[in-house]
Amino acid sequence: MQKTMAWGENFAGPVRLVWGMKDPILGRALKSMRGIFPDAPLVKTQAGHFLQEEVPDVLAEAIRAVVQTR
């Protein structure tokens, strides 16, 4: 997680956070991500850890939105 945080602090591209609020593994890392990407739009979901399986449409829309900003 520390490597991910260090990478994020130096990332200058567009970001949209999609978060599984019921994620037992990364759920509590949201505060840290908001600290690194305070201006990134945040989409909260009732998903767990596997967003691609639980909320694929929400995740796909977030990816499309980021790609369109480039």
Protein backbone atom coordinates (compact mmCIF):
# COMPACT_ATOMS: atom_id res chain seq x y z
CA MET A 1 0.00 0.00 0.00
CA GLN A 2 2.90 2.36 0.67
CA LYS A 3 4.13 1.96 -2.92
CA THR A 4 0.65 2.73 -4.21
CA MET A 5 0.43 5.84 -2.04
CA ALA A 6 3.85 7.07 -3.22
CA TRP A 7 2.86 6.50 -6.85
CA GLY A 8 -0.43 8.35 -6.34
CA GLU A 9 1.27 11.35 -4.81
CA ASN A 10 3.26 11.81 -8.03
CA PHE A 11 0.47 11.02 -10.50
CA ALA A 12 -0.67 14.02 -12.55
CA GLY A 13 -3.35 12.40 -14.73
CA PRO A 14 -7.12 12.44 -14.34
CA VAL A 15 -8.56 10.44 -11.45
CA ARG A 16 -12.02 9.25 -10.48
CA LEU A 17 -12.36 7.14 -7.36
CA VAL A 18 -14.91 4.33 -7.30
CA TRP A 19 -15.13 2.88 -3.82
CA GLY A 20 -16.75 -0.20 -2.39
CA MET A 21 -17.97 0.99 0.98
CA LYS A 22 -18.33 -2.61 2.14
CA ASP A 23 -14.79 -3.57 1.11
CA PRO A 24 -13.28 -5.46 4.06
CA ILE A 25 -9.75 -5.11 2.67
CA LEU A 26 -9.44 -1.55 1.29
CA GLY A 27 -12.55 0.06 2.74
CA ARG A 28 -10.70 2.05 5.36
CA ALA A 29 -8.12 3.34 2.85
CA LEU A 30 -10.61 5.82 1.39
CA LYS A 31 -9.48 8.59 3.72
CA SER A 32 -5.89 8.17 2.51
CA MET A 33 -6.97 8.20 -1.15
CA ARG A 34 -9.01 11.36 -0.59
CA GLY A 35 -5.88 12.91 0.91
CA ILE A 36 -3.86 12.09 -2.20
CA PHE A 37 -6.62 12.96 -4.69
CA PRO A 38 -8.73 15.58 -2.89
CA ASP A 39 -10.29 16.95 -6.09
CA ALA A 40 -11.08 13.59 -7.68
CA PRO A 41 -14.76 12.80 -8.11
CA LEU A 42 -15.79 10.03 -5.73
CA VAL A 43 -18.39 7.41 -6.52
CA LYS A 44 -19.39 5.47 -3.41
CA THR A 45 -20.97 2.07 -3.98
CA GLN A 46 -22.42 -0.57 -1.70
CA ALA A 47 -19.98 -3.07 -3.22
CA GLY A 48 -17.31 -5.03 -1.45
CA HIS A 49 -13.81 -5.73 -2.74
CA PHE A 50 -14.60 -6.87 -6.29
CA LEU A 51 -16.07 -3.80 -7.99
CA GLN A 52 -15.63 -5.30 -11.45
CA GLU A 53 -18.00 -8.11 -10.46
CA GLU A 54 -20.37 -6.28 -8.14
CA VAL A 55 -20.87 -2.92 -9.88
CA PRO A 56 -19.41 -3.33 -13.38
CA ASP A 57 -21.60 -0.62 -14.92
CA VAL A 58 -20.55 1.96 -12.33
CA LEU A 59 -16.90 1.07 -12.79
CA ALA A 60 -17.15 1.17 -16.59
CA GLU A 61 -18.80 4.59 -16.48
CA ALA A 62 -16.03 5.94 -14.26
CA ILE A 63 -13.40 4.62 -16.65
CA ARG A 64 -15.22 6.20 -19.61
CA ALA A 65 -15.39 9.52 -17.78
CA VAL A 66 -11.64 9.51 -17.11
CA VAL A 67 -10.79 8.53 -20.69
CA GLN A 68 -13.00 11.32 -22.05
CA THR A 69 -11.07 13.93 -20.04
CA ARG A 70 -7.82 13.06 -21.78
